[in-house]
């Protein structure tokens, strides 16, 4: 049985925190930010995520990926 991860809606998380907790790469978070799927704010050199923003992103229906044939 997989471990349960708890993300508190009022919690404040860094990109490093989320990468470790969710087992995703920094590129995954960056892509979600750029696409507007994951809300974030920048403080100095760090990206900061509120727990409620992360939960909204995780609950969202995935977008259909556009296939580009070259």
N, C-alpha and C. Protein backbone atom coordinates (compact mmCIF):
# COMPACT_ATOMS: atom_id res chain seq x y z
N UNK A 1 0.84 -1.18 0.00
CA UNK A 1 0.00 0.00 0.00
C UNK A 1 0.89 1.24 0.00
N UNK A 2 0.61 2.22 -0.88
CA UNK A 2 1.45 3.41 -0.93
C UNK A 2 1.30 4.28 0.32
N UNK A 3 2.33 5.05 0.57
CA UNK A 3 2.28 5.98 1.70
C UNK A 3 1.28 7.09 1.41
N UNK A 4 0.65 7.57 2.46
CA UNK A 4 -0.29 8.68 2.33
C UNK A 4 0.48 9.98 2.51
N UNK A 5 0.21 10.91 1.62
CA UNK A 5 0.83 12.23 1.68
C UNK A 5 -0.23 13.22 2.11
N UNK A 6 0.08 14.05 3.08
CA UNK A 6 -0.85 15.07 3.53
C UNK A 6 -0.35 16.44 3.12
N UNK A 7 -1.15 17.13 2.35
CA UNK A 7 -0.85 18.51 1.98
C UNK A 7 -1.91 19.37 2.65
N UNK A 8 -1.47 20.24 3.54
CA UNK A 8 -2.38 21.10 4.27
C UNK A 8 -2.72 22.32 3.44
N UNK A 9 -4.00 22.65 3.31
CA UNK A 9 -4.40 23.79 2.49
C UNK A 9 -3.75 25.11 2.91
N UNK A 10 -3.43 25.26 4.18
CA UNK A 10 -2.80 26.50 4.64
C UNK A 10 -1.28 26.39 4.70
N UNK A 11 -0.75 25.25 4.32
CA UNK A 11 0.70 25.04 4.34
C UNK A 11 1.40 25.82 3.24
N UNK A 12 2.67 26.09 3.46
CA UNK A 12 3.51 26.77 2.47
C UNK A 12 4.62 25.80 2.10
N UNK A 13 4.78 25.57 0.80
CA UNK A 13 5.72 24.57 0.30
C UNK A 13 6.66 25.18 -0.73
N UNK A 14 7.88 24.69 -0.73
CA UNK A 14 8.83 25.08 -1.77
C UNK A 14 8.79 24.03 -2.88
N UNK A 15 9.41 24.34 -4.00
CA UNK A 15 9.49 23.38 -5.10
C UNK A 15 10.20 22.11 -4.63
N UNK A 16 11.26 22.26 -3.86
CA UNK A 16 11.98 21.09 -3.33
C UNK A 16 11.07 20.21 -2.47
N UNK A 17 10.25 20.86 -1.63
CA UNK A 17 9.30 20.12 -0.79
C UNK A 17 8.37 19.28 -1.65
N UNK A 18 7.78 19.92 -2.66
CA UNK A 18 6.80 19.23 -3.50
C UNK A 18 7.43 18.12 -4.33
N UNK A 19 8.62 18.37 -4.84
CA UNK A 19 9.31 17.33 -5.62
C UNK A 19 9.52 16.08 -4.77
N UNK A 20 9.94 16.28 -3.53
CA UNK A 20 10.19 15.15 -2.64
C UNK A 20 8.88 14.47 -2.22
N UNK A 21 7.86 15.25 -1.90
CA UNK A 21 6.60 14.70 -1.42
C UNK A 21 5.83 13.96 -2.51
N UNK A 22 5.81 14.55 -3.72
CA UNK A 22 4.99 14.00 -4.80
C UNK A 22 5.77 13.15 -5.78
N UNK A 23 7.08 13.07 -5.60
CA UNK A 23 7.95 12.31 -6.50
C UNK A 23 7.79 12.79 -7.95
N UNK A 24 7.86 14.11 -8.11
CA UNK A 24 7.84 14.71 -9.44
C UNK A 24 9.13 15.50 -9.63
N UNK A 25 9.47 15.76 -10.86
CA UNK A 25 10.69 16.51 -11.14
C UNK A 25 10.42 18.01 -11.08
N UNK A 26 11.47 18.79 -10.89
CA UNK A 26 11.31 20.25 -10.94
C UNK A 26 10.74 20.70 -12.29
N UNK A 27 11.07 19.98 -13.35
CA UNK A 27 10.56 20.33 -14.68
C UNK A 27 9.04 20.16 -14.74
N UNK A 28 8.51 19.17 -14.05
CA UNK A 28 7.06 18.96 -14.02
C UNK A 28 6.36 20.15 -13.36
N UNK A 29 6.91 20.62 -12.26
CA UNK A 29 6.34 21.78 -11.58
C UNK A 29 6.45 23.03 -12.46
N UNK A 30 7.60 23.20 -13.09
CA UNK A 30 7.81 24.37 -13.95
C UNK A 30 6.84 24.36 -15.13
N UNK A 31 6.65 23.20 -15.71
CA UNK A 31 5.72 23.08 -16.85
C UNK A 31 4.29 23.42 -16.41
N UNK A 32 3.89 22.93 -15.25
CA UNK A 32 2.54 23.21 -14.74
C UNK A 32 2.38 24.70 -14.43
N UNK A 33 3.43 25.34 -13.89
CA UNK A 33 3.39 26.79 -13.64
C UNK A 33 3.23 27.56 -14.94
N UNK A 34 4.08 27.25 -15.92
CA UNK A 34 4.05 27.97 -17.20
C UNK A 34 2.72 27.78 -17.93
N UNK A 35 2.12 26.61 -17.80
CA UNK A 35 0.84 26.33 -18.46
C UNK A 35 -0.33 27.00 -17.72
N UNK A 36 -0.05 27.51 -16.52
CA UNK A 36 -1.11 28.14 -15.74
C UNK A 36 -1.94 27.15 -14.95
N UNK A 37 -1.50 25.91 -14.90
CA UNK A 37 -2.23 24.87 -14.17
C UNK A 37 -1.93 24.88 -12.67
N UNK A 38 -0.75 25.32 -12.31
CA UNK A 38 -0.32 25.33 -10.91
C UNK A 38 0.07 26.75 -10.53
N UNK A 39 -0.66 27.30 -9.61
CA UNK A 39 -0.38 28.66 -9.15
C UNK A 39 0.84 28.65 -8.24
N UNK A 40 1.64 29.71 -8.33
CA UNK A 40 2.85 29.83 -7.51
C UNK A 40 3.23 31.29 -7.41
N UNK A 41 4.08 31.59 -6.46
CA UNK A 41 4.62 32.94 -6.33
C UNK A 41 6.12 32.81 -6.13
N UNK A 42 6.82 33.81 -6.54
CA UNK A 42 8.28 33.77 -6.42
C UNK A 42 8.71 34.72 -5.30
N UNK A 43 9.51 34.21 -4.41
CA UNK A 43 10.08 35.00 -3.32
C UNK A 43 11.59 34.83 -3.39
N UNK A 44 12.27 35.88 -3.81
CA UNK A 44 13.72 35.76 -4.02
C UNK A 44 13.98 34.80 -5.16
N UNK A 45 14.77 33.78 -4.89
CA UNK A 45 15.08 32.78 -5.91
C UNK A 45 14.22 31.54 -5.82
N UNK A 46 13.29 31.52 -4.87
CA UNK A 46 12.49 30.32 -4.65
C UNK A 46 11.06 30.49 -5.13
N UNK A 47 10.51 29.40 -5.64
CA UNK A 47 9.09 29.33 -5.95
C UNK A 47 8.38 28.82 -4.71
N UNK A 48 7.29 29.49 -4.34
CA UNK A 48 6.51 29.14 -3.16
C UNK A 48 5.11 28.74 -3.61
N UNK A 49 4.60 27.68 -3.01
CA UNK A 49 3.28 27.16 -3.35
C UNK A 49 2.44 27.05 -2.08
N UNK A 50 1.23 27.56 -2.12
CA UNK A 50 0.31 27.36 -1.00
C UNK A 50 -0.34 25.99 -1.17
N UNK A 51 -0.61 25.35 -0.06
CA UNK A 51 -1.21 24.02 -0.11
C UNK A 51 -2.50 23.97 -0.90
N UNK A 52 -3.34 25.00 -0.77
CA UNK A 52 -4.61 24.99 -1.50
C UNK A 52 -4.37 25.04 -3.01
N UNK A 53 -3.30 25.73 -3.45
CA UNK A 53 -2.98 25.78 -4.88
C UNK A 53 -2.55 24.39 -5.38
N UNK A 54 -1.76 23.71 -4.57
CA UNK A 54 -1.28 22.38 -4.94
C UNK A 54 -2.45 21.40 -5.01
N UNK A 55 -3.34 21.46 -4.03
CA UNK A 55 -4.49 20.57 -4.02
C UNK A 55 -5.40 20.82 -5.22
N UNK A 56 -5.58 22.07 -5.59
CA UNK A 56 -6.38 22.40 -6.77
C UNK A 56 -5.75 21.79 -8.01
N UNK A 57 -4.44 21.89 -8.12
CA UNK A 57 -3.71 21.33 -9.27
C UNK A 57 -3.85 19.81 -9.32
N UNK A 58 -3.72 19.17 -8.17
CA UNK A 58 -3.80 17.71 -8.12
C UNK A 58 -5.21 17.19 -8.41
N UNK A 59 -6.22 17.96 -8.05
CA UNK A 59 -7.61 17.55 -8.28
C UNK A 59 -8.09 17.82 -9.69
N UNK A 60 -7.40 18.68 -10.40
CA UNK A 60 -7.84 19.09 -11.74
C UNK A 60 -7.80 17.92 -12.72
N UNK A 61 -8.70 17.98 -13.67
CA UNK A 61 -8.71 17.00 -14.75
C UNK A 61 -7.54 17.31 -15.67
N UNK A 62 -6.75 16.31 -16.03
CA UNK A 62 -5.60 16.57 -16.90
C UNK A 62 -6.05 17.11 -18.26
N UNK A 63 -5.25 18.02 -18.78
CA UNK A 63 -5.52 18.54 -20.11
C UNK A 63 -5.18 17.48 -21.14
N UNK A 64 -5.87 17.56 -22.26
CA UNK A 64 -5.53 16.67 -23.37
C UNK A 64 -4.23 17.18 -23.97
N UNK A 65 -3.28 16.28 -24.13
CA UNK A 65 -2.02 16.68 -24.72
C UNK A 65 -2.18 16.76 -26.24
N UNK A 66 -1.57 17.80 -26.79
CA UNK A 66 -1.61 17.97 -28.23
C UNK A 66 -0.44 17.21 -28.83
N UNK A 67 -0.76 16.30 -29.73
CA UNK A 67 0.30 15.51 -30.36
C UNK A 67 0.79 16.26 -31.60
N UNK A 68 2.07 16.43 -31.66
CA UNK A 68 2.66 17.14 -32.79
C UNK A 68 3.52 16.17 -33.57
N UNK A 69 3.05 15.82 -34.73
CA UNK A 69 3.83 14.94 -35.60
C UNK A 69 4.78 15.78 -36.40
N UNK A 70 6.04 15.40 -36.35
CA UNK A 70 7.06 16.16 -37.08
C UNK A 70 7.33 15.53 -38.41
